[in-house]
Amino acid sequence: MIKQDYFPLINQKLCKKCGLCAKLCPRKVLESGADGLPFAAHPEKCTACELCVSHCPDFAIELKSLQDNEHHGCIDK
């Protein structure tokens, strides 16, 4: 398995917890937590297809480099 370079980062203040990103992700990178907030449960599976980014109605998702970021899935901006 090839390790990917990017993962989706969710801005908690913008996300309205609709779950669309988790439903659309073809690799099941995103999952919803107990509070409904999505997070990158499997960042190593991300192919940077940007389906989550382009379909998020709240503009709460951006792709980040695995090497440059320690949050792996959620940040409170």
C-alpha atoms as a PDB file:
ATOM      1  CA  MET A   1       0.000   0.000   0.000  1.00  0.00           C
ATOM      2  CA  ILE A   2       1.328   3.439  -0.959  1.00  0.00           C
ATOM      3  CA  LYS A   3       1.151   6.096   1.713  1.00  0.00           C
ATOM      4  CA  GLN A   4      -0.545   9.253   0.459  1.00  0.00           C
ATOM      5  CA  ASP A   5       0.688  12.784   1.052  1.00  0.00           C
ATOM      6  CA  TYR A   6      -2.563  14.522   2.028  1.00  0.00           C
ATOM      7  CA  PHE A   7      -5.547  14.189   4.316  1.00  0.00           C
ATOM      8  CA  PRO A   8      -8.754  16.214   4.814  1.00  0.00           C
ATOM      9  CA  LEU A   9      -8.706  18.671   7.700  1.00  0.00           C
ATOM     10  CA  ILE A  10     -12.063  19.711   9.168  1.00  0.00           C
ATOM     11  CA  ASN A  11     -12.564  23.195  10.578  1.00  0.00           C
ATOM     12  CA  GLN A  12     -14.781  22.572  13.621  1.00  0.00           C
ATOM     13  CA  LYS A  13     -16.094  26.134  13.709  1.00  0.00           C
ATOM     14  CA  LEU A  14     -17.380  25.979  10.126  1.00  0.00           C
ATOM     15  CA  CYS A  15     -18.634  22.379  10.036  1.00  0.00           C
ATOM     16  CA  LYS A  16     -22.368  21.930  10.582  1.00  0.00           C
ATOM     17  CA  LYS A  17     -22.036  18.123  10.900  1.00  0.00           C
ATOM     18  CA  CYS A  18     -24.122  17.207   7.843  1.00  0.00           C
ATOM     19  CA  GLY A  19     -22.024  14.068   7.198  1.00  0.00           C
ATOM     20  CA  LEU A  20     -21.909  14.586   3.438  1.00  0.00           C
ATOM     21  CA  CYS A  21     -18.117  14.367   3.346  1.00  0.00           C
ATOM     22  CA  ALA A  22     -18.037  10.969   5.075  1.00  0.00           C
ATOM     23  CA  LYS A  23     -20.775   9.642   2.792  1.00  0.00           C
ATOM     24  CA  LEU A  24     -19.003  10.796  -0.380  1.00  0.00           C
ATOM     25  CA  CYS A  25     -15.468   9.661   0.462  1.00  0.00           C
ATOM     26  CA  PRO A  26     -14.692   6.705  -1.836  1.00  0.00           C
ATOM     27  CA  ARG A  27     -11.878   5.477   0.454  1.00  0.00           C
ATOM     28  CA  LYS A  28     -13.783   5.938   3.758  1.00  0.00           C
ATOM     29  CA  VAL A  29     -11.108   8.270   5.098  1.00  0.00           C
ATOM     30  CA  LEU A  30     -13.675  10.307   7.004  1.00  0.00           C
ATOM     31  CA  GLU A  31     -15.939   9.092   9.791  1.00  0.00           C
ATOM     32  CA  SER A  32     -18.347  10.903  12.073  1.00  0.00           C
ATOM     33  CA  GLY A  33     -17.520  11.067  15.748  1.00  0.00           C
ATOM     34  CA  ALA A  34     -20.010  10.566  18.578  1.00  0.00           C
ATOM     35  CA  ASP A  35     -20.737  14.313  18.424  1.00  0.00           C
ATOM     36  CA  GLY A  36     -21.406  14.125  14.674  1.00  0.00           C
ATOM     37  CA  LEU A  37     -18.226  15.977  13.746  1.00  0.00           C
ATOM     38  CA  PRO A  38     -16.338  14.267  10.917  1.00  0.00           C
ATOM     39  CA  PHE A  39     -12.660  13.455  11.317  1.00  0.00           C
ATOM     40  CA  ALA A  40      -9.962  11.738   9.275  1.00  0.00           C
ATOM     41  CA  ALA A  41     -10.111   8.262  10.814  1.00  0.00           C
ATOM     42  CA  HIS A  42      -7.889   6.794   8.093  1.00  0.00           C
ATOM     43  CA  PRO A  43      -5.712   9.654   6.743  1.00  0.00           C
ATOM     44  CA  GLU A  44      -3.305   7.200   5.112  1.00  0.00           C
ATOM     45  CA  LYS A  45      -6.078   6.129   2.699  1.00  0.00           C
ATOM     46  CA  CYS A  46      -6.658   9.621   1.281  1.00  0.00           C
ATOM     47  CA  THR A  47      -6.024   9.938  -2.459  1.00  0.00           C
ATOM     48  CA  ALA A  48      -6.591  13.727  -2.487  1.00  0.00           C
ATOM     49  CA  CYS A  49      -9.561  13.341  -4.838  1.00  0.00           C
ATOM     50  CA  GLU A  50     -11.091  16.456  -3.200  1.00  0.00           C
ATOM     51  CA  LEU A  51     -14.675  15.153  -3.266  1.00  0.00           C
ATOM     52  CA  CYS A  52     -15.038  16.139   0.382  1.00  0.00           C
ATOM     53  CA  VAL A  53     -13.573  19.594  -0.246  1.00  0.00           C
ATOM     54  CA  SER A  54     -15.641  20.361  -3.324  1.00  0.00           C
ATOM     55  CA  HIS A  55     -18.961  19.117  -1.895  1.00  0.00           C
ATOM     56  CA  CYS A  56     -18.765  20.563   1.610  1.00  0.00           C
ATOM     57  CA  PRO A  57     -21.613  23.115   1.854  1.00  0.00           C
ATOM     58  CA  ASP A  58     -19.856  24.855   4.755  1.00  0.00           C
ATOM     59  CA  PHE A  59     -16.403  25.165   3.118  1.00  0.00           C
ATOM     60  CA  ALA A  60     -15.053  23.504   6.259  1.00  0.00           C
ATOM     61  CA  ILE A  61     -12.596  21.079   4.651  1.00  0.00           C
ATOM     62  CA  GLU A  62      -9.145  21.578   3.222  1.00  0.00           C
ATOM     63  CA  LEU A  63      -6.436  19.123   2.262  1.00  0.00           C
ATOM     64  CA  LYS A  64      -3.272  19.222   4.333  1.00  0.00           C
ATOM     65  CA  SER A  65       0.061  17.476   3.988  1.00  0.00           C
ATOM     66  CA  LEU A  66       0.674  14.537   6.323  1.00  0.00           C
ATOM     67  CA  GLN A  67       4.264  15.705   6.763  1.00  0.00           C
ATOM     68  CA  ASP A  68       3.354  19.299   7.628  1.00  0.00           C
ATOM     69  CA  ASN A  69       0.464  18.765  10.021  1.00  0.00           C
ATOM     70  CA  GLU A  70       0.026  17.012  13.348  1.00  0.00           C
ATOM     71  CA  HIS A  71      -3.756  17.407  13.745  1.00  0.00           C
ATOM     72  CA  HIS A  72      -4.787  14.514  11.470  1.00  0.00           C
ATOM     73  CA  GLY A  73      -8.402  15.338  10.956  1.00  0.00           C
ATOM     74  CA  CYS A  74      -9.798  18.111  13.128  1.00  0.00           C
ATOM     75  CA  ILE A  75      -8.786  21.546  14.186  1.00  0.00           C
ATOM     76  CA  ASP A  76     -10.550  24.279  16.032  1.00  0.00           C
ATOM     77  CA  LYS A  77      -9.700  27.435  14.094  1.00  0.00           C
END
